[in-house]
Amino acid sequence: MLENETRKLMKILHLRPDDIYHVFCLALCLTCVDGQMTDKEGETLTRLGFGLGLGPQDIAALTDNAQEAIRDTSVPDVIAFSLANLKAKLNHDQLRGVKQILRYVAGADRKIHPEEKALLDLINEIWQD
């Protein structure tokens, strides 16, 4: 997925600021669920932030907020909260778009680790087409 396609997709999805936070949280959790975040994954998160219409300071603030939520609870808790929140607010097409973005983020380093695949499978199960 090219950067311009990501921007187009985010415009189509019409996400609210709270939804953007949860998408970013899921993307962040996806990149670190295997215990490490590669440079390519970090770059992809930044590009995702720009695609969501965020500036560098916004991306840094969202990252800090998501990391604080993970420290205060756990990665599974943040994932569960964001999945439930988005499922309750987004329509079918929006959820499909977010799944597409998350698959792109997972494959950013050209490997989908077993932990990332397990999370993508969980997302597919919870947000069934």
C-alpha atoms as a PDB file:
ATOM      1  CA  MET A   1       0.000   0.000   0.000  1.00  0.00           C
ATOM      2  CA  LEU A   2       1.499   3.306  -1.029  1.00  0.00           C
ATOM      3  CA  GLU A   3       1.386   6.394   1.170  1.00  0.00           C
ATOM      4  CA  ASN A   4      -1.112   8.129  -1.140  1.00  0.00           C
ATOM      5  CA  GLU A   5      -3.403   5.088  -0.972  1.00  0.00           C
ATOM      6  CA  THR A   6      -3.248   5.229   2.826  1.00  0.00           C
ATOM      7  CA  ARG A   7      -4.225   8.898   2.769  1.00  0.00           C
ATOM      8  CA  LYS A   8      -7.104   8.180   0.386  1.00  0.00           C
ATOM      9  CA  LEU A   9      -8.268   5.310   2.564  1.00  0.00           C
ATOM     10  CA  MET A  10      -8.240   7.435   5.704  1.00  0.00           C
ATOM     11  CA  LYS A  11     -10.294  10.134   3.962  1.00  0.00           C
ATOM     12  CA  ILE A  12     -12.787   7.496   2.882  1.00  0.00           C
ATOM     13  CA  LEU A  13     -13.045   6.023   6.381  1.00  0.00           C
ATOM     14  CA  HIS A  14     -14.106   9.319   8.028  1.00  0.00           C
ATOM     15  CA  LEU A  15     -12.614   8.465  11.399  1.00  0.00           C
ATOM     16  CA  ARG A  16     -13.177  10.653  14.432  1.00  0.00           C
ATOM     17  CA  PRO A  17     -10.212  11.647  16.648  1.00  0.00           C
ATOM     18  CA  ASP A  18     -11.086   8.962  19.223  1.00  0.00           C
ATOM     19  CA  ASP A  19     -11.238   6.337  16.459  1.00  0.00           C
ATOM     20  CA  ILE A  20      -7.852   7.481  15.146  1.00  0.00           C
ATOM     21  CA  TYR A  21      -6.395   6.985  18.630  1.00  0.00           C
ATOM     22  CA  HIS A  22      -7.699   3.411  18.779  1.00  0.00           C
ATOM     23  CA  VAL A  23      -6.473   2.587  15.260  1.00  0.00           C
ATOM     24  CA  PHE A  24      -3.061   3.957  16.190  1.00  0.00           C
ATOM     25  CA  CYS A  25      -3.071   1.958  19.467  1.00  0.00           C
ATOM     26  CA  LEU A  26      -3.834  -1.237  17.576  1.00  0.00           C
ATOM     27  CA  ALA A  27      -1.115  -0.502  15.033  1.00  0.00           C
ATOM     28  CA  LEU A  28       1.378   0.215  17.816  1.00  0.00           C
ATOM     29  CA  CYS A  29       0.439  -2.986  19.654  1.00  0.00           C
ATOM     30  CA  LEU A  30       0.728  -4.922  16.409  1.00  0.00           C
ATOM     31  CA  THR A  31       4.258  -3.665  15.841  1.00  0.00           C
ATOM     32  CA  CYS A  32       5.437  -4.556  19.328  1.00  0.00           C
ATOM     33  CA  VAL A  33       3.432  -7.732  20.026  1.00  0.00           C
ATOM     34  CA  ASP A  34       6.408  -9.867  18.937  1.00  0.00           C
ATOM     35  CA  GLY A  35       8.640  -8.144  21.501  1.00  0.00           C
ATOM     36  CA  GLN A  36      10.418  -5.775  19.134  1.00  0.00           C
ATOM     37  CA  MET A  37       9.660  -2.891  16.825  1.00  0.00           C
ATOM     38  CA  THR A  38      11.807  -2.756  13.717  1.00  0.00           C
ATOM     39  CA  ASP A  39      12.882   0.513  12.122  1.00  0.00           C
ATOM     40  CA  LYS A  40      10.607  -0.266   9.183  1.00  0.00           C
ATOM     41  CA  GLU A  41       7.635  -0.783  11.518  1.00  0.00           C
ATOM     42  CA  GLY A  42       8.404   2.515  13.274  1.00  0.00           C
ATOM     43  CA  GLU A  43       8.570   4.271   9.914  1.00  0.00           C
ATOM     44  CA  THR A  44       5.274   2.674   8.914  1.00  0.00           C
ATOM     45  CA  LEU A  45       3.637   3.897  12.141  1.00  0.00           C
ATOM     46  CA  THR A  46       4.832   7.415  11.379  1.00  0.00           C
ATOM     47  CA  ARG A  47       3.499   7.205   7.829  1.00  0.00           C
ATOM     48  CA  LEU A  48       0.219   5.856   9.184  1.00  0.00           C
ATOM     49  CA  GLY A  49       0.028   8.837  11.518  1.00  0.00           C
ATOM     50  CA  PHE A  50       0.541  11.209   8.601  1.00  0.00           C
ATOM     51  CA  GLY A  51      -2.099   9.271   6.638  1.00  0.00           C
ATOM     52  CA  LEU A  52      -4.473   9.785   9.545  1.00  0.00           C
ATOM     53  CA  GLY A  53      -3.911  13.519   9.181  1.00  0.00           C
ATOM     54  CA  LEU A  54      -1.630  13.829  12.195  1.00  0.00           C
ATOM     55  CA  GLY A  55       1.458  15.970  12.540  1.00  0.00           C
ATOM     56  CA  PRO A  56       4.731  14.875  14.160  1.00  0.00           C
ATOM     57  CA  GLN A  57       3.714  16.232  17.583  1.00  0.00           C
ATOM     58  CA  ASP A  58       0.343  14.480  17.382  1.00  0.00           C
ATOM     59  CA  ILE A  59       2.054  11.196  16.481  1.00  0.00           C
ATOM     60  CA  ALA A  60       4.447  11.566  19.414  1.00  0.00           C
ATOM     61  CA  ALA A  61       1.557  12.341  21.781  1.00  0.00           C
ATOM     62  CA  LEU A  62      -0.509   9.364  20.556  1.00  0.00           C
ATOM     63  CA  THR A  63       2.509   7.093  20.890  1.00  0.00           C
ATOM     64  CA  ASP A  64       3.135   8.327  24.446  1.00  0.00           C
ATOM     65  CA  ASN A  65      -0.558   7.879  25.369  1.00  0.00           C
ATOM     66  CA  ALA A  66      -0.676   4.370  23.910  1.00  0.00           C
ATOM     67  CA  GLN A  67       2.572   3.357  25.617  1.00  0.00           C
ATOM     68  CA  GLU A  68       1.279   4.751  28.920  1.00  0.00           C
ATOM     69  CA  ALA A  69      -1.938   2.751  28.536  1.00  0.00           C
ATOM     70  CA  ILE A  70       0.129  -0.378  27.879  1.00  0.00           C
ATOM     71  CA  ARG A  71       2.299   0.298  30.954  1.00  0.00           C
ATOM     72  CA  ASP A  72      -0.774   0.962  33.134  1.00  0.00           C
ATOM     73  CA  THR A  73      -2.577  -2.184  31.985  1.00  0.00           C
ATOM     74  CA  SER A  74      -1.130  -4.566  29.391  1.00  0.00           C
ATOM     75  CA  VAL A  75      -0.866  -5.044  25.635  1.00  0.00           C
ATOM     76  CA  PRO A  76      -3.833  -7.494  25.628  1.00  0.00           C
ATOM     77  CA  ASP A  77      -5.969  -5.021  27.616  1.00  0.00           C
ATOM     78  CA  VAL A  78      -5.206  -2.146  25.234  1.00  0.00           C
ATOM     79  CA  ILE A  79      -5.909  -4.391  22.250  1.00  0.00           C
ATOM     80  CA  ALA A  80      -9.213  -5.595  23.716  1.00  0.00           C
ATOM     81  CA  PHE A  81     -10.334  -2.068  24.618  1.00  0.00           C
ATOM     82  CA  SER A  82      -9.478  -0.635  21.189  1.00  0.00           C
ATOM     83  CA  LEU A  83     -11.049  -3.566  19.323  1.00  0.00           C
ATOM     84  CA  ALA A  84     -14.281  -3.287  21.314  1.00  0.00           C
ATOM     85  CA  ASN A  85     -14.393   0.493  21.019  1.00  0.00           C
ATOM     86  CA  LEU A  86     -13.930   0.482  17.250  1.00  0.00           C
ATOM     87  CA  LYS A  87     -16.365  -2.396  16.746  1.00  0.00           C
ATOM     88  CA  ALA A  88     -19.038  -0.457  18.624  1.00  0.00           C
ATOM     89  CA  LYS A  89     -18.508   2.774  16.658  1.00  0.00           C
ATOM     90  CA  LEU A  90     -17.452   1.890  13.117  1.00  0.00           C
ATOM     91  CA  ASN A  91     -19.556   0.495  10.323  1.00  0.00           C
ATOM     92  CA  HIS A  92     -18.704  -2.591   8.280  1.00  0.00           C
ATOM     93  CA  ASP A  93     -16.762  -0.708   5.590  1.00  0.00           C
ATOM     94  CA  GLN A  94     -14.784   1.281   8.126  1.00  0.00           C
ATOM     95  CA  LEU A  95     -13.802  -1.901   9.980  1.00  0.00           C
ATOM     96  CA  ARG A  96     -12.699  -3.508   6.702  1.00  0.00           C
ATOM     97  CA  GLY A  97     -10.561  -0.460   5.972  1.00  0.00           C
ATOM     98  CA  VAL A  98      -8.965  -0.537   9.405  1.00  0.00           C
ATOM     99  CA  LYS A  99      -8.227  -4.271   8.994  1.00  0.00           C
ATOM    100  CA  GLN A 100      -6.538  -3.494   5.685  1.00  0.00           C
ATOM    101  CA  ILE A 101      -4.378  -0.864   7.363  1.00  0.00           C
ATOM    102  CA  LEU A 102      -3.439  -3.226  10.196  1.00  0.00           C
ATOM    103  CA  ARG A 103      -2.471  -5.971   7.722  1.00  0.00           C
ATOM    104  CA  TYR A 104      -0.260  -3.441   5.966  1.00  0.00           C
ATOM    105  CA  VAL A 105       1.379  -2.439   9.254  1.00  0.00           C
ATOM    106  CA  ALA A 106       1.981  -6.100  10.171  1.00  0.00           C
ATOM    107  CA  GLY A 107       3.715  -6.742   6.864  1.00  0.00           C
ATOM    108  CA  ALA A 108       5.774  -3.550   6.910  1.00  0.00           C
ATOM    109  CA  ASP A 109       8.983  -5.386   7.771  1.00  0.00           C
ATOM    110  CA  ARG A 110       8.175  -8.020   5.122  1.00  0.00           C
ATOM    111  CA  LYS A 111       7.579 -10.642   7.829  1.00  0.00           C
ATOM    112  CA  ILE A 112       4.441 -11.427   9.725  1.00  0.00           C
ATOM    113  CA  HIS A 113       5.580 -12.987  12.968  1.00  0.00           C
ATOM    114  CA  PRO A 114       3.388 -15.630  14.638  1.00  0.00           C
ATOM    115  CA  GLU A 115       2.325 -13.162  17.331  1.00  0.00           C
ATOM    116  CA  GLU A 116       1.297 -10.619  14.697  1.00  0.00           C
ATOM    117  CA  LYS A 117      -0.603 -13.286  12.763  1.00  0.00           C
ATOM    118  CA  ALA A 118      -2.391 -14.340  15.949  1.00  0.00           C
ATOM    119  CA  LEU A 119      -3.473 -10.736  16.549  1.00  0.00           C
ATOM    120  CA  LEU A 120      -4.634 -10.339  12.941  1.00  0.00           C
ATOM    121  CA  ASP A 121      -6.596 -13.595  13.267  1.00  0.00           C
ATOM    122  CA  LEU A 122      -8.208 -12.290  16.465  1.00  0.00           C
ATOM    123  CA  ILE A 123      -9.154  -9.054  14.709  1.00  0.00           C
ATOM    124  CA  ASN A 124     -10.681 -11.034  11.844  1.00  0.00           C
ATOM    125  CA  GLU A 125     -12.642 -13.148  14.313  1.00  0.00           C
ATOM    126  CA  ILE A 126     -13.990 -10.167  16.255  1.00  0.00           C
ATOM    127  CA  TRP A 127     -14.631  -8.031  13.159  1.00  0.00           C
ATOM    128  CA  GLN A 128     -16.048 -10.699  10.890  1.00  0.00           C
ATOM    129  CA  ASP A 129     -16.913  -9.629   7.331  1.00  0.00           C
END
